[in-house]
N, C-alpha and C. Protein backbone atom coordinates (compact mmCIF):
# COMPACT_ATOMS: atom_id res chain seq x y z
N MET A 1 4.21 17.03 -18.06
CA MET A 1 5.08 15.92 -17.77
C MET A 1 5.56 15.95 -16.32
N ALA A 2 5.81 17.14 -15.82
CA ALA A 2 6.28 17.23 -14.44
C ALA A 2 5.22 16.72 -13.47
N ILE A 3 3.98 17.05 -13.73
CA ILE A 3 2.90 16.57 -12.85
C ILE A 3 2.76 15.06 -12.99
N ALA A 4 2.84 14.55 -14.21
CA ALA A 4 2.76 13.10 -14.43
C ALA A 4 3.90 12.40 -13.70
N TRP A 5 5.10 13.00 -13.73
CA TRP A 5 6.24 12.42 -13.03
C TRP A 5 5.97 12.37 -11.52
N LEU A 6 5.45 13.46 -10.97
CA LEU A 6 5.14 13.49 -9.55
C LEU A 6 4.11 12.42 -9.19
N LEU A 7 3.07 12.30 -10.01
CA LEU A 7 2.04 11.29 -9.75
C LEU A 7 2.60 9.88 -9.77
N ALA A 8 3.66 9.66 -10.55
CA ALA A 8 4.25 8.32 -10.67
C ALA A 8 5.19 7.99 -9.51
N GLN A 9 5.53 8.96 -8.67
CA GLN A 9 6.51 8.72 -7.61
C GLN A 9 5.95 7.88 -6.47
N LYS A 10 4.94 8.35 -5.83
CA LYS A 10 4.34 7.69 -4.66
C LYS A 10 2.84 7.95 -4.70
N PRO A 11 2.02 7.00 -4.26
CA PRO A 11 0.58 7.22 -4.31
C PRO A 11 0.09 8.32 -3.37
N TRP A 12 0.88 8.66 -2.37
CA TRP A 12 0.46 9.69 -1.43
C TRP A 12 0.93 11.09 -1.81
N ILE A 13 1.68 11.23 -2.90
CA ILE A 13 2.10 12.56 -3.36
C ILE A 13 0.97 13.16 -4.19
N VAL A 14 0.54 14.34 -3.80
CA VAL A 14 -0.55 15.02 -4.50
C VAL A 14 -0.04 16.37 -4.98
N PRO A 15 0.23 16.50 -6.28
CA PRO A 15 0.67 17.79 -6.80
C PRO A 15 -0.45 18.83 -6.67
N ILE A 16 -0.09 20.03 -6.33
CA ILE A 16 -1.07 21.10 -6.23
C ILE A 16 -0.58 22.25 -7.11
N PRO A 17 -0.82 22.12 -8.41
CA PRO A 17 -0.36 23.18 -9.32
C PRO A 17 -1.28 24.39 -9.23
N GLY A 18 -0.73 25.53 -9.48
CA GLY A 18 -1.53 26.75 -9.50
C GLY A 18 -1.59 27.31 -10.91
N THR A 19 -2.70 27.89 -11.26
CA THR A 19 -2.82 28.51 -12.56
C THR A 19 -3.93 29.56 -12.53
N THR A 20 -3.86 30.48 -13.44
CA THR A 20 -4.93 31.47 -13.60
C THR A 20 -5.57 31.36 -14.97
N LYS A 21 -5.11 30.39 -15.76
CA LYS A 21 -5.61 30.24 -17.12
C LYS A 21 -6.27 28.89 -17.31
N LEU A 22 -7.44 28.89 -17.93
CA LEU A 22 -8.20 27.67 -18.11
C LEU A 22 -7.44 26.64 -18.95
N HIS A 23 -6.75 27.09 -20.00
CA HIS A 23 -6.03 26.12 -20.83
C HIS A 23 -4.88 25.46 -20.06
N ARG A 24 -4.30 26.15 -19.10
CA ARG A 24 -3.26 25.54 -18.26
C ARG A 24 -3.88 24.52 -17.30
N LEU A 25 -5.08 24.80 -16.82
CA LEU A 25 -5.79 23.85 -15.97
C LEU A 25 -6.06 22.57 -16.75
N ASP A 26 -6.48 22.70 -18.01
CA ASP A 26 -6.70 21.53 -18.86
C ASP A 26 -5.41 20.73 -19.03
N GLU A 27 -4.28 21.43 -19.22
CA GLU A 27 -2.98 20.74 -19.33
C GLU A 27 -2.67 19.99 -18.04
N ASN A 28 -2.89 20.65 -16.91
CA ASN A 28 -2.61 20.02 -15.61
C ASN A 28 -3.45 18.77 -15.42
N ILE A 29 -4.73 18.85 -15.73
CA ILE A 29 -5.62 17.71 -15.59
C ILE A 29 -5.20 16.58 -16.53
N GLY A 30 -4.67 16.94 -17.69
CA GLY A 30 -4.22 15.94 -18.66
C GLY A 30 -3.10 15.06 -18.15
N ALA A 31 -2.42 15.50 -17.11
CA ALA A 31 -1.30 14.72 -16.56
C ALA A 31 -1.76 13.36 -16.04
N VAL A 32 -3.01 13.25 -15.62
CA VAL A 32 -3.48 11.96 -15.09
C VAL A 32 -3.60 10.91 -16.19
N SER A 33 -3.66 11.33 -17.44
CA SER A 33 -3.76 10.37 -18.54
C SER A 33 -2.39 9.97 -19.10
N VAL A 34 -1.33 10.57 -18.59
CA VAL A 34 0.03 10.21 -19.01
C VAL A 34 0.52 9.07 -18.14
N GLU A 35 0.82 7.95 -18.77
CA GLU A 35 1.32 6.80 -18.02
C GLU A 35 2.82 6.64 -18.28
N LEU A 36 3.59 6.90 -17.26
CA LEU A 36 5.04 6.75 -17.37
C LEU A 36 5.42 5.33 -16.94
N THR A 37 6.11 4.63 -17.80
CA THR A 37 6.53 3.27 -17.50
C THR A 37 7.75 3.30 -16.59
N PRO A 38 8.08 2.18 -15.97
CA PRO A 38 9.32 2.14 -15.20
C PRO A 38 10.54 2.53 -16.05
N ALA A 39 10.53 2.15 -17.32
CA ALA A 39 11.64 2.52 -18.20
C ALA A 39 11.67 4.03 -18.41
N ASP A 40 10.51 4.65 -18.57
CA ASP A 40 10.44 6.11 -18.70
C ASP A 40 11.03 6.78 -17.46
N LEU A 41 10.62 6.30 -16.30
CA LEU A 41 11.09 6.89 -15.05
C LEU A 41 12.59 6.71 -14.88
N ARG A 42 13.12 5.56 -15.28
CA ARG A 42 14.58 5.34 -15.23
C ARG A 42 15.29 6.31 -16.17
N GLU A 43 14.74 6.50 -17.36
CA GLU A 43 15.36 7.41 -18.33
C GLU A 43 15.37 8.84 -17.80
N ILE A 44 14.27 9.24 -17.19
CA ILE A 44 14.20 10.59 -16.60
C ILE A 44 15.21 10.70 -15.46
N ASP A 45 15.27 9.69 -14.58
CA ASP A 45 16.22 9.71 -13.47
C ASP A 45 17.66 9.75 -13.96
N ASP A 46 17.96 8.97 -14.99
CA ASP A 46 19.32 8.96 -15.55
C ASP A 46 19.69 10.32 -16.11
N ALA A 47 18.74 10.95 -16.82
CA ALA A 47 19.00 12.26 -17.42
C ALA A 47 19.19 13.33 -16.35
N THR A 48 18.35 13.32 -15.33
CA THR A 48 18.47 14.35 -14.29
C THR A 48 19.69 14.14 -13.41
N ALA A 49 20.16 12.91 -13.31
CA ALA A 49 21.36 12.65 -12.51
C ALA A 49 22.60 13.28 -13.14
N LYS A 50 22.54 13.57 -14.42
CA LYS A 50 23.68 14.18 -15.12
C LYS A 50 23.71 15.70 -14.99
N ILE A 51 22.68 16.27 -14.39
CA ILE A 51 22.59 17.72 -14.25
C ILE A 51 23.33 18.14 -12.98
N THR A 52 24.24 19.07 -13.13
CA THR A 52 24.96 19.61 -11.99
C THR A 52 24.29 20.90 -11.56
N VAL A 53 23.83 20.94 -10.33
CA VAL A 53 23.21 22.15 -9.80
C VAL A 53 24.32 23.05 -9.28
N LYS A 54 24.30 24.30 -9.74
CA LYS A 54 25.33 25.25 -9.34
C LYS A 54 24.69 26.45 -8.69
N GLY A 55 25.34 26.97 -7.69
CA GLY A 55 24.86 28.18 -7.05
C GLY A 55 23.85 27.89 -5.96
N ALA A 56 23.57 28.92 -5.21
CA ALA A 56 22.62 28.82 -4.12
C ALA A 56 21.21 29.08 -4.63
N ARG A 57 20.25 28.67 -3.84
CA ARG A 57 18.86 28.89 -4.22
C ARG A 57 18.53 30.38 -4.17
N TYR A 58 19.01 31.04 -3.15
CA TYR A 58 18.76 32.47 -2.97
C TYR A 58 20.10 33.20 -2.83
N PRO A 59 20.12 34.50 -3.15
CA PRO A 59 21.31 35.29 -2.83
C PRO A 59 21.53 35.25 -1.32
N GLU A 60 22.76 35.43 -0.90
CA GLU A 60 23.13 35.27 0.51
C GLU A 60 22.24 36.08 1.46
N LYS A 61 21.94 37.34 1.13
CA LYS A 61 21.13 38.18 2.03
C LYS A 61 19.71 37.64 2.17
N LEU A 62 19.15 37.11 1.10
CA LEU A 62 17.81 36.53 1.20
C LEU A 62 17.83 35.20 1.93
N GLU A 63 18.89 34.46 1.77
CA GLU A 63 19.02 33.18 2.46
C GLU A 63 18.97 33.37 3.98
N LEU A 64 19.52 34.47 4.45
CA LEU A 64 19.50 34.75 5.88
C LEU A 64 18.07 34.95 6.41
N LEU A 65 17.15 35.30 5.52
CA LEU A 65 15.78 35.52 5.93
C LEU A 65 14.92 34.25 5.91
N THR A 66 15.49 33.13 5.48
CA THR A 66 14.71 31.90 5.38
C THR A 66 14.63 31.13 6.69
N GLY A 67 15.31 31.58 7.71
CA GLY A 67 15.21 30.92 9.01
C GLY A 67 16.08 29.69 9.16
N ARG A 68 17.06 29.55 8.32
CA ARG A 68 17.96 28.40 8.42
C ARG A 68 18.99 28.60 9.48
């Protein structure tokens, strides 16, 4: 679903998933057959807008190594 969502965003967005398992590759390829409607995308956007992100991406010491 995440790959299908990415494909529905913009025509120039190309997801590059990584996997080491053939069955996961089949799942990834299956994303092209999932058609998300505008209503689906609105529902996903509405749901994710309710999520509050808390905390930093990295612990402070690692954040210093990211070059920010």
